[in-house]
Amino acid sequence: MPAAKTCTPTLAGFTCGLDATLRVIAGKWKPLILYFVAQGGPTRYGALRRAVRDVSDKMLIQQLKELEADGLVKRTDYKEIPPRVDYSLTPLGRSLAEALVPLCSWGTDNMAEVTRVFAEREALQDGRIASKRSAAAE
């Protein structure tokens, strides 16, 4: 398997290249933020907020700050009133966003199966919770 050759330890602190990548995109929202910023060039905060559904303002701001600190996202403040800020990808961020494209394609291609698996898992968990409640009530 070729992954063994490309995923070897190179720097102290990382197990392999995949470990480094996962640390950079750790969290539920960072890959989505990178994806949506990559779609349209400079992206305003409000557009990101609408695109990354279910994220809180606090979490979106935190994740954007981390992506900026990691050199993946560039924040441009136009110093205007009302405030105007947009986000774009750095070259490093662009290369990471390109690396996420196959994952996006996999998700699209397998969405029906993943939806089915998650529904089964949820039903199983709901059944376990119900049986625990029944056992506790007895």
N, C-alpha and C. Protein backbone atom coordinates (compact mmCIF):
# COMPACT_ATOMS: atom_id res chain seq x y z
N MET A 1 0.85 -1.18 0.00
CA MET A 1 0.00 0.00 0.00
C MET A 1 0.89 1.24 0.00
N PRO A 2 0.75 2.16 -0.96
CA PRO A 2 1.66 3.29 -1.08
C PRO A 2 1.56 4.28 0.08
N ALA A 3 0.49 4.25 0.83
CA ALA A 3 0.33 5.20 1.93
C ALA A 3 1.45 5.05 2.95
N ALA A 4 1.99 3.85 3.12
CA ALA A 4 3.05 3.64 4.09
C ALA A 4 4.29 4.45 3.73
N LYS A 5 4.57 4.59 2.45
CA LYS A 5 5.73 5.36 2.03
C LYS A 5 5.52 6.85 2.26
N THR A 6 4.31 7.35 2.01
CA THR A 6 4.07 8.78 2.12
C THR A 6 3.69 9.20 3.53
N CYS A 7 3.41 8.27 4.41
CA CYS A 7 2.97 8.61 5.76
C CYS A 7 3.98 8.11 6.77
N THR A 8 5.21 8.60 6.64
CA THR A 8 6.27 8.23 7.58
C THR A 8 6.62 9.44 8.44
N PRO A 9 7.07 9.21 9.66
CA PRO A 9 7.42 10.33 10.53
C PRO A 9 8.52 11.18 9.91
N THR A 10 8.31 12.49 9.89
CA THR A 10 9.31 13.40 9.34
C THR A 10 9.71 14.48 10.33
N LEU A 11 8.81 14.85 11.24
CA LEU A 11 9.09 15.87 12.23
C LEU A 11 8.71 15.37 13.61
N ALA A 12 9.49 15.77 14.59
CA ALA A 12 9.14 15.40 15.95
C ALA A 12 7.76 15.94 16.28
N GLY A 13 6.96 15.15 16.97
CA GLY A 13 5.63 15.58 17.35
C GLY A 13 4.53 15.07 16.46
N PHE A 14 4.86 14.59 15.27
CA PHE A 14 3.86 14.05 14.36
C PHE A 14 4.18 12.59 14.07
N THR A 15 3.16 11.77 14.09
CA THR A 15 3.33 10.35 13.78
C THR A 15 3.62 10.18 12.30
N CYS A 16 2.90 10.95 11.48
CA CYS A 16 3.06 10.88 10.03
C CYS A 16 2.41 12.11 9.42
N GLY A 17 2.44 12.21 8.10
CA GLY A 17 1.84 13.35 7.41
C GLY A 17 0.35 13.45 7.65
N LEU A 18 -0.32 12.32 7.74
CA LEU A 18 -1.76 12.33 8.01
C LEU A 18 -2.03 12.93 9.40
N ASP A 19 -1.19 12.60 10.36
CA ASP A 19 -1.33 13.17 11.71
C ASP A 19 -1.22 14.69 11.64
N ALA A 20 -0.25 15.21 10.91
CA ALA A 20 -0.09 16.67 10.77
C ALA A 20 -1.33 17.28 10.13
N THR A 21 -1.83 16.65 9.08
CA THR A 21 -3.01 17.17 8.38
C THR A 21 -4.23 17.18 9.29
N LEU A 22 -4.45 16.09 10.00
CA LEU A 22 -5.61 16.00 10.87
C LEU A 22 -5.54 17.00 12.02
N ARG A 23 -4.35 17.29 12.49
CA ARG A 23 -4.22 18.30 13.55
C ARG A 23 -4.58 19.68 13.04
N VAL A 24 -4.22 19.96 11.80
CA VAL A 24 -4.53 21.28 11.22
C VAL A 24 -6.03 21.44 10.98
N ILE A 25 -6.70 20.38 10.55
CA ILE A 25 -8.13 20.48 10.24
C ILE A 25 -9.01 19.91 11.35
N ALA A 26 -8.41 19.70 12.53
CA ALA A 26 -9.16 19.12 13.64
C ALA A 26 -10.39 19.96 13.96
N GLY A 27 -11.46 19.28 14.24
CA GLY A 27 -12.70 19.95 14.58
C GLY A 27 -13.73 19.73 13.50
N LYS A 28 -14.94 19.96 13.87
CA LYS A 28 -16.07 19.70 12.98
C LYS A 28 -16.16 20.73 11.85
N TRP A 29 -15.72 21.95 12.09
CA TRP A 29 -16.03 23.04 11.17
C TRP A 29 -14.91 23.43 10.22
N LYS A 30 -13.65 23.19 10.58
CA LYS A 30 -12.54 23.68 9.75
C LYS A 30 -12.58 23.17 8.31
N PRO A 31 -12.80 21.87 8.08
CA PRO A 31 -12.85 21.42 6.69
C PRO A 31 -13.97 22.12 5.90
N LEU A 32 -15.12 22.34 6.53
CA LEU A 32 -16.22 23.03 5.85
C LEU A 32 -15.86 24.49 5.56
N ILE A 33 -15.23 25.14 6.51
CA ILE A 33 -14.81 26.53 6.29
C ILE A 33 -13.85 26.59 5.12
N LEU A 34 -12.86 25.72 5.10
CA LEU A 34 -11.90 25.70 3.98
C LEU A 34 -12.61 25.44 2.67
N TYR A 35 -13.54 24.51 2.67
CA TYR A 35 -14.29 24.19 1.46
C TYR A 35 -15.05 25.41 0.93
N PHE A 36 -15.78 26.09 1.80
CA PHE A 36 -16.60 27.21 1.35
C PHE A 36 -15.77 28.43 0.98
N VAL A 37 -14.67 28.67 1.67
CA VAL A 37 -13.80 29.79 1.28
C VAL A 37 -13.15 29.49 -0.07
N ALA A 38 -12.82 28.23 -0.32
CA ALA A 38 -12.20 27.84 -1.59
C ALA A 38 -13.16 28.00 -2.77
N GLN A 39 -14.46 27.92 -2.51
CA GLN A 39 -15.45 27.96 -3.59
C GLN A 39 -15.52 29.31 -4.29
N GLY A 40 -15.38 30.40 -3.54
CA GLY A 40 -15.65 31.68 -4.18
C GLY A 40 -14.63 32.77 -3.95
N GLY A 41 -13.41 32.40 -3.61
CA GLY A 41 -12.43 33.44 -3.37
C GLY A 41 -12.74 34.16 -2.07
N PRO A 42 -12.43 35.46 -1.99
CA PRO A 42 -12.70 36.18 -0.74
C PRO A 42 -14.16 36.04 -0.33
N THR A 43 -14.37 35.62 0.91
CA THR A 43 -15.70 35.32 1.41
C THR A 43 -15.98 36.15 2.65
N ARG A 44 -17.11 36.81 2.66
CA ARG A 44 -17.50 37.61 3.82
C ARG A 44 -17.94 36.70 4.95
N TYR A 45 -17.85 37.20 6.17
CA TYR A 45 -18.22 36.42 7.35
C TYR A 45 -19.67 35.94 7.27
N GLY A 46 -20.58 36.83 6.88
CA GLY A 46 -21.99 36.47 6.81
C GLY A 46 -22.26 35.34 5.83
N ALA A 47 -21.55 35.35 4.71
CA ALA A 47 -21.71 34.27 3.73
C ALA A 47 -21.21 32.95 4.31
N LEU A 48 -20.11 33.00 5.05
CA LEU A 48 -19.61 31.78 5.69
C LEU A 48 -20.60 31.27 6.73
N ARG A 49 -21.16 32.19 7.48
CA ARG A 49 -22.12 31.83 8.53
C ARG A 49 -23.33 31.12 7.94
N ARG A 50 -23.78 31.59 6.77
CA ARG A 50 -24.92 30.94 6.11
C ARG A 50 -24.52 29.60 5.49
N ALA A 51 -23.31 29.52 4.97
CA ALA A 51 -22.87 28.29 4.29
C ALA A 51 -22.59 27.17 5.29
N VAL A 52 -21.95 27.50 6.40
CA VAL A 52 -21.60 26.49 7.40
C VAL A 52 -22.75 26.44 8.40
N ARG A 53 -23.80 25.75 8.01
CA ARG A 53 -25.02 25.69 8.83
C ARG A 53 -24.76 25.07 10.18
N ASP A 54 -25.50 25.52 11.17
CA ASP A 54 -25.48 24.99 12.53
C ASP A 54 -24.26 25.39 13.36
N VAL A 55 -23.31 26.13 12.79
CA VAL A 55 -22.17 26.58 13.58
C VAL A 55 -22.57 27.85 14.33
N SER A 56 -22.13 27.97 15.58
CA SER A 56 -22.41 29.18 16.34
C SER A 56 -21.43 30.27 15.93
N ASP A 57 -21.80 31.52 16.18
CA ASP A 57 -20.89 32.62 15.87
C ASP A 57 -19.57 32.45 16.62
N LYS A 58 -19.65 32.10 17.89
CA LYS A 58 -18.45 31.93 18.71
C LYS A 58 -17.52 30.88 18.10
N MET A 59 -18.07 29.75 17.70
CA MET A 59 -17.26 28.67 17.15
C MET A 59 -16.69 29.04 15.78
N LEU A 60 -17.49 29.70 14.95
CA LEU A 60 -17.00 30.10 13.63
C LEU A 60 -15.85 31.08 13.77
N ILE A 61 -15.99 32.05 14.65
CA ILE A 61 -14.92 33.03 14.87
C ILE A 61 -13.67 32.33 15.40
N GLN A 62 -13.83 31.42 16.35
CA GLN A 62 -12.70 30.69 16.91
C GLN A 62 -11.98 29.88 15.84
N GLN A 63 -12.75 29.16 15.03
CA GLN A 63 -12.15 28.33 13.99
C GLN A 63 -11.45 29.18 12.93
N LEU A 64 -12.05 30.31 12.57
CA LEU A 64 -11.40 31.21 11.61
C LEU A 64 -10.08 31.76 12.17
N LYS A 65 -10.07 32.12 13.45
CA LYS A 65 -8.83 32.61 14.07
C LYS A 65 -7.75 31.53 14.06
N GLU A 66 -8.13 30.29 14.34
CA GLU A 66 -7.16 29.19 14.33
C GLU A 66 -6.64 28.94 12.93
N LEU A 67 -7.53 28.96 11.94
CA LEU A 67 -7.09 28.77 10.55
C LEU A 67 -6.16 29.89 10.11
N GLU A 68 -6.44 31.10 10.57
CA GLU A 68 -5.57 32.23 10.26
C GLU A 68 -4.22 32.07 10.95
N ALA A 69 -4.22 31.68 12.22
CA ALA A 69 -2.98 31.48 12.97
C ALA A 69 -2.13 30.36 12.36
N ASP A 70 -2.80 29.37 11.76
CA ASP A 70 -2.09 28.25 11.14
C ASP A 70 -1.63 28.56 9.71
N GLY A 71 -1.92 29.76 9.25
CA GLY A 71 -1.45 30.18 7.93
C GLY A 71 -2.26 29.64 6.77
N LEU A 72 -3.50 29.23 7.03
CA LEU A 72 -4.35 28.67 5.97
C LEU A 72 -5.34 29.68 5.41
N VAL A 73 -5.74 30.62 6.24
CA VAL A 73 -6.75 31.62 5.86
C VAL A 73 -6.16 33.01 6.09
N LYS A 74 -6.44 33.90 5.16
CA LYS A 74 -6.05 35.29 5.30
C LYS A 74 -7.29 36.12 5.58
N ARG A 75 -7.23 36.93 6.63
CA ARG A 75 -8.34 37.81 7.00
C ARG A 75 -8.00 39.22 6.53
N THR A 76 -8.90 39.81 5.75
CA THR A 76 -8.70 41.17 5.28
C THR A 76 -9.75 42.07 5.90
N ASP A 77 -9.29 43.04 6.68
CA ASP A 77 -10.18 44.02 7.32
C ASP A 77 -10.03 45.32 6.53
N TYR A 78 -11.13 45.78 5.95
CA TYR A 78 -11.09 46.96 5.09
C TYR A 78 -11.19 48.27 5.87
N LYS A 79 -11.26 48.19 7.19
CA LYS A 79 -11.30 49.38 8.06
C LYS A 79 -12.37 50.36 7.63
N GLU A 80 -13.55 49.84 7.35
CA GLU A 80 -14.68 50.66 6.93
C GLU A 80 -15.77 50.63 7.98
N ILE A 81 -16.67 51.59 7.86
CA ILE A 81 -17.86 51.62 8.70
C ILE A 81 -19.04 51.60 7.74
N PRO A 82 -19.93 50.63 7.83
CA PRO A 82 -19.90 49.48 8.74
C PRO A 82 -18.72 48.56 8.43
N PRO A 83 -18.30 47.77 9.42
CA PRO A 83 -17.12 46.91 9.23
C PRO A 83 -17.30 45.96 8.05
N ARG A 84 -16.23 45.81 7.30
CA ARG A 84 -16.20 44.86 6.18
C ARG A 84 -14.94 44.04 6.29
N VAL A 85 -15.12 42.74 6.44
CA VAL A 85 -14.01 41.80 6.58
C VAL A 85 -14.29 40.64 5.64
N ASP A 86 -13.25 40.15 4.98
CA ASP A 86 -13.44 38.92 4.22
C ASP A 86 -12.27 37.98 4.46
N TYR A 87 -12.48 36.73 4.05
CA TYR A 87 -11.52 35.67 4.27
C TYR A 87 -11.19 35.03 2.93
N SER A 88 -9.91 34.73 2.74
CA SER A 88 -9.48 34.03 1.54
C SER A 88 -8.42 33.01 1.96
N LEU A 89 -8.12 32.09 1.06
CA LEU A 89 -7.14 31.07 1.36
C LEU A 89 -5.74 31.54 0.99
N THR A 90 -4.79 31.19 1.81
CA THR A 90 -3.39 31.39 1.49
C THR A 90 -2.99 30.27 0.52
N PRO A 91 -1.81 30.34 -0.07
CA PRO A 91 -1.38 29.20 -0.90
C PRO A 91 -1.39 27.87 -0.14
N LEU A 92 -0.97 27.89 1.12
CA LEU A 92 -1.00 26.67 1.93
C LEU A 92 -2.44 26.21 2.13
N GLY A 93 -3.35 27.13 2.40
CA GLY A 93 -4.76 26.79 2.56
C GLY A 93 -5.38 26.26 1.29
N ARG A 94 -4.98 26.85 0.15
CA ARG A 94 -5.48 26.39 -1.14
C ARG A 94 -5.04 24.95 -1.40
N SER A 95 -3.77 24.64 -1.08
CA SER A 95 -3.29 23.27 -1.31
C SER A 95 -4.03 22.28 -0.41
N LEU A 96 -4.35 22.69 0.82
CA LEU A 96 -5.12 21.81 1.70
C LEU A 96 -6.55 21.64 1.20
N ALA A 97 -7.16 22.72 0.74
CA ALA A 97 -8.52 22.64 0.21
C ALA A 97 -8.56 21.70 -1.00
N GLU A 98 -7.54 21.74 -1.83
CA GLU A 98 -7.47 20.83 -2.98
C GLU A 98 -7.34 19.38 -2.52
N ALA A 99 -6.63 19.17 -1.42
CA ALA A 99 -6.49 17.81 -0.89
C ALA A 99 -7.80 17.29 -0.31
N LEU A 100 -8.70 18.19 0.08
CA LEU A 100 -9.99 17.77 0.62
C LEU A 100 -11.01 17.41 -0.47
N VAL A 101 -10.74 17.78 -1.71
CA VAL A 101 -11.68 17.52 -2.81
C VAL A 101 -12.02 16.04 -2.93
N PRO A 102 -11.05 15.12 -2.89
CA PRO A 102 -11.43 13.69 -2.97
C PRO A 102 -12.33 13.25 -1.83
N LEU A 103 -12.15 13.81 -0.62
CA LEU A 103 -13.04 13.47 0.49
C LEU A 103 -14.45 13.95 0.22
N CYS A 104 -14.57 15.13 -0.35
CA CYS A 104 -15.87 15.67 -0.71
C CYS A 104 -16.53 14.77 -1.76
N SER A 105 -15.77 14.35 -2.75
CA SER A 105 -16.30 13.47 -3.80
C SER A 105 -16.74 12.14 -3.21
N TRP A 106 -15.94 11.59 -2.29
CA TRP A 106 -16.31 10.34 -1.65
C TRP A 106 -17.63 10.50 -0.91
N GLY A 107 -17.78 11.59 -0.18
CA GLY A 107 -19.02 11.84 0.56
C GLY A 107 -20.22 11.95 -0.36
N THR A 108 -20.04 12.64 -1.48
CA THR A 108 -21.13 12.78 -2.45
C THR A 108 -21.50 11.43 -3.04
N ASP A 109 -20.48 10.67 -3.43
CA ASP A 109 -20.72 9.36 -4.04
C ASP A 109 -21.36 8.36 -3.08
N ASN A 110 -21.10 8.49 -1.81
CA ASN A 110 -21.56 7.51 -0.82
C ASN A 110 -22.59 8.06 0.16
N MET A 111 -23.19 9.20 -0.16
CA MET A 111 -24.10 9.87 0.77
C MET A 111 -25.28 8.99 1.16
N ALA A 112 -25.87 8.28 0.21
CA ALA A 112 -27.02 7.44 0.52
C ALA A 112 -26.63 6.34 1.51
N GLU A 113 -25.51 5.69 1.27
CA GLU A 113 -25.04 4.61 2.15
C GLU A 113 -24.69 5.16 3.54
N VAL A 114 -24.01 6.29 3.59
CA VAL A 114 -23.64 6.88 4.88
C VAL A 114 -24.89 7.29 5.64
N THR A 115 -25.87 7.84 4.95
CA THR A 115 -27.13 8.21 5.59
C THR A 115 -27.81 6.98 6.19
N ARG A 116 -27.82 5.88 5.43
CA ARG A 116 -28.42 4.64 5.91
C ARG A 116 -27.69 4.12 7.15
N VAL A 117 -26.37 4.11 7.11
CA VAL A 117 -25.56 3.61 8.22
C VAL A 117 -25.81 4.46 9.48
N PHE A 118 -25.82 5.78 9.31
CA PHE A 118 -26.06 6.66 10.46
C PHE A 118 -27.46 6.46 11.03
N ALA A 119 -28.44 6.26 10.16
CA ALA A 119 -29.81 6.02 10.63
C ALA A 119 -29.88 4.72 11.42
N GLU A 120 -29.20 3.68 10.93
CA GLU A 120 -29.17 2.41 11.65
C GLU A 120 -28.49 2.56 13.00
N ARG A 121 -27.38 3.28 13.03
CA ARG A 121 -26.66 3.50 14.28
C ARG A 121 -27.54 4.25 15.29
N GLU A 122 -28.22 5.28 14.81
CA GLU A 122 -29.09 6.06 15.68
C GLU A 122 -30.24 5.21 16.21
N ALA A 123 -30.82 4.39 15.34
CA ALA A 123 -31.91 3.51 15.78
C ALA A 123 -31.41 2.51 16.82
N LEU A 124 -30.21 1.99 16.62
CA LEU A 124 -29.63 1.05 17.58
C LEU A 124 -29.39 1.74 18.91
N GLN A 125 -28.85 2.95 18.87
CA GLN A 125 -28.61 3.69 20.11
C GLN A 125 -29.92 4.04 20.81
N ASP A 126 -30.92 4.44 20.03
CA ASP A 126 -32.23 4.74 20.62
C ASP A 126 -32.81 3.50 21.28
N GLY A 127 -32.64 2.35 20.65
CA GLY A 127 -33.12 1.09 21.22
C GLY A 127 -32.40 0.75 22.52
N ARG A 128 -31.10 1.01 22.56
CA ARG A 128 -30.33 0.74 23.78
C ARG A 128 -30.77 1.67 24.90
N ILE A 129 -31.00 2.92 24.58
CA ILE A 129 -31.45 3.87 25.59
C ILE A 129 -32.81 3.46 26.13
N ALA A 130 -33.71 3.07 25.22
CA ALA A 130 -35.05 2.64 25.65
C ALA A 130 -34.96 1.40 26.53
N SER A 131 -34.11 0.43 26.18
CA SER A 131 -34.00 -0.79 26.98
C SER A 131 -33.36 -0.49 28.34
N LYS A 132 -32.43 0.47 28.40
CA LYS A 132 -31.84 0.84 29.68
C LYS A 132 -32.89 1.51 30.57
N ARG A 133 -33.71 2.33 29.96
CA ARG A 133 -34.78 2.99 30.73
C ARG A 133 -35.77 1.96 31.26
N SER A 134 -36.11 0.98 30.44
CA SER A 134 -37.04 -0.07 30.87
C SER A 134 -36.44 -0.88 32.01
N ALA A 135 -35.15 -1.21 31.89
CA ALA A 135 -34.48 -1.99 32.93
C ALA A 135 -34.37 -1.18 34.22
N ALA A 136 -34.15 0.11 34.10
CA ALA A 136 -34.05 0.97 35.29
C ALA A 136 -35.40 1.13 35.97
N ALA A 137 -36.46 1.11 35.19
CA ALA A 137 -37.80 1.28 35.74
C ALA A 137 -38.27 0.03 36.48
N GLU A 138 -37.70 -1.11 36.14
CA GLU A 138 -38.15 -2.37 36.76
C GLU A 138 -37.63 -2.55 38.14
